[in-house]
Amino acid sequence: MSESHQFTCSICGEPSGTICVYCTKDACSNHLCEHCGRCSDCCECHLLHEAAGFGETAQ
């Protein structure tokens, strides 16, 4: 009999089955970056995007 372990997201408390590759805390899919695999607390992708000018609105 196979048993599925369910954990709790350390950020929002929702059920989670994955962990952050950096800090190894449980993180649900809403708080895990698809690009780097880090949770939203550890992810630095948004810093790279901001430095490159992604997401800026034209004025």
C-alpha atoms as a PDB file:
ATOM      1  CA  MET A   1       0.000   0.000   0.000  1.00  0.00           C
ATOM      2  CA  SER A   2       1.442   3.324  -1.090  1.00  0.00           C
ATOM      3  CA  GLU A   3       1.032   6.263   1.262  1.00  0.00           C
ATOM      4  CA  SER A   4       1.207   9.884   0.109  1.00  0.00           C
ATOM      5  CA  HIS A   5       2.732  12.247   2.652  1.00  0.00           C
ATOM      6  CA  GLN A   6       1.134  15.667   2.791  1.00  0.00           C
ATOM      7  CA  PHE A   7       3.035  18.580   4.256  1.00  0.00           C
ATOM      8  CA  THR A   8       2.055  22.172   4.991  1.00  0.00           C
ATOM      9  CA  CYS A   9       3.420  25.176   3.090  1.00  0.00           C
ATOM     10  CA  SER A  10       5.622  27.189   5.452  1.00  0.00           C
ATOM     11  CA  ILE A  11       4.394  30.431   3.852  1.00  0.00           C
ATOM     12  CA  CYS A  12       0.612  30.095   3.594  1.00  0.00           C
ATOM     13  CA  GLY A  13      -0.298  26.893   5.435  1.00  0.00           C
ATOM     14  CA  GLU A  14      -1.851  25.191   2.391  1.00  0.00           C
ATOM     15  CA  PRO A  15      -1.153  21.501   1.684  1.00  0.00           C
ATOM     16  CA  SER A  16       2.229  20.986   0.051  1.00  0.00           C
ATOM     17  CA  GLY A  17       4.133  18.165  -1.564  1.00  0.00           C
ATOM     18  CA  THR A  18       7.316  20.021  -2.527  1.00  0.00           C
ATOM     19  CA  ILE A  19      10.206  21.761  -0.824  1.00  0.00           C
ATOM     20  CA  CYS A  20      12.382  24.757  -1.624  1.00  0.00           C
ATOM     21  CA  VAL A  21      15.685  23.636  -3.165  1.00  0.00           C
ATOM     22  CA  TYR A  22      17.514  26.352  -1.204  1.00  0.00           C
ATOM     23  CA  CYS A  23      16.132  26.383   2.356  1.00  0.00           C
ATOM     24  CA  THR A  24      14.315  22.994   2.162  1.00  0.00           C
ATOM     25  CA  LYS A  25      11.144  24.361   3.791  1.00  0.00           C
ATOM     26  CA  ASP A  26       7.826  22.979   2.545  1.00  0.00           C
ATOM     27  CA  ALA A  27       6.309  25.157  -0.185  1.00  0.00           C
ATOM     28  CA  CYS A  28       3.081  24.812  -2.169  1.00  0.00           C
ATOM     29  CA  SER A  29       3.012  25.366  -5.926  1.00  0.00           C
ATOM     30  CA  ASN A  30       1.796  28.957  -5.388  1.00  0.00           C
ATOM     31  CA  HIS A  31       4.986  29.804  -3.487  1.00  0.00           C
ATOM     32  CA  LEU A  32       7.558  27.828  -5.483  1.00  0.00           C
ATOM     33  CA  CYS A  33       9.317  29.480  -8.427  1.00  0.00           C
ATOM     34  CA  GLU A  34       9.001  27.412 -11.602  1.00  0.00           C
ATOM     35  CA  HIS A  35      12.303  28.802 -12.849  1.00  0.00           C
ATOM     36  CA  CYS A  36      14.705  28.207  -9.940  1.00  0.00           C
ATOM     37  CA  GLY A  37      12.771  25.881  -7.593  1.00  0.00           C
ATOM     38  CA  ARG A  38      13.111  28.208  -4.609  1.00  0.00           C
ATOM     39  CA  CYS A  39      10.249  29.361  -2.402  1.00  0.00           C
ATOM     40  CA  SER A  40       9.073  32.964  -2.653  1.00  0.00           C
ATOM     41  CA  ASP A  41      11.100  33.818   0.469  1.00  0.00           C
ATOM     42  CA  CYS A  42      14.364  32.627  -1.129  1.00  0.00           C
ATOM     43  CA  CYS A  43      13.795  33.276  -4.846  1.00  0.00           C
ATOM     44  CA  GLU A  44      15.998  35.972  -6.348  1.00  0.00           C
ATOM     45  CA  CYS A  45      14.584  35.720  -9.875  1.00  0.00           C
ATOM     46  CA  HIS A  46      12.499  38.868  -9.390  1.00  0.00           C
ATOM     47  CA  LEU A  47      15.696  40.776  -8.556  1.00  0.00           C
ATOM     48  CA  LEU A  48      17.278  39.612 -11.795  1.00  0.00           C
ATOM     49  CA  HIS A  49      14.168  40.558 -13.766  1.00  0.00           C
ATOM     50  CA  GLU A  50      14.064  44.023 -12.174  1.00  0.00           C
ATOM     51  CA  ALA A  51      17.768  44.601 -12.921  1.00  0.00           C
ATOM     52  CA  ALA A  52      17.221  43.623 -16.556  1.00  0.00           C
ATOM     53  CA  GLY A  53      14.204  45.931 -16.878  1.00  0.00           C
ATOM     54  CA  PHE A  54      11.539  43.227 -17.186  1.00  0.00           C
ATOM     55  CA  GLY A  55       8.109  44.157 -15.887  1.00  0.00           C
ATOM     56  CA  GLU A  56       8.689  47.906 -16.046  1.00  0.00           C
ATOM     57  CA  THR A  57       5.878  49.985 -17.454  1.00  0.00           C
ATOM     58  CA  ALA A  58       6.568  52.528 -20.161  1.00  0.00           C
ATOM     59  CA  GLN A  59       5.986  56.124 -19.221  1.00  0.00           C
END
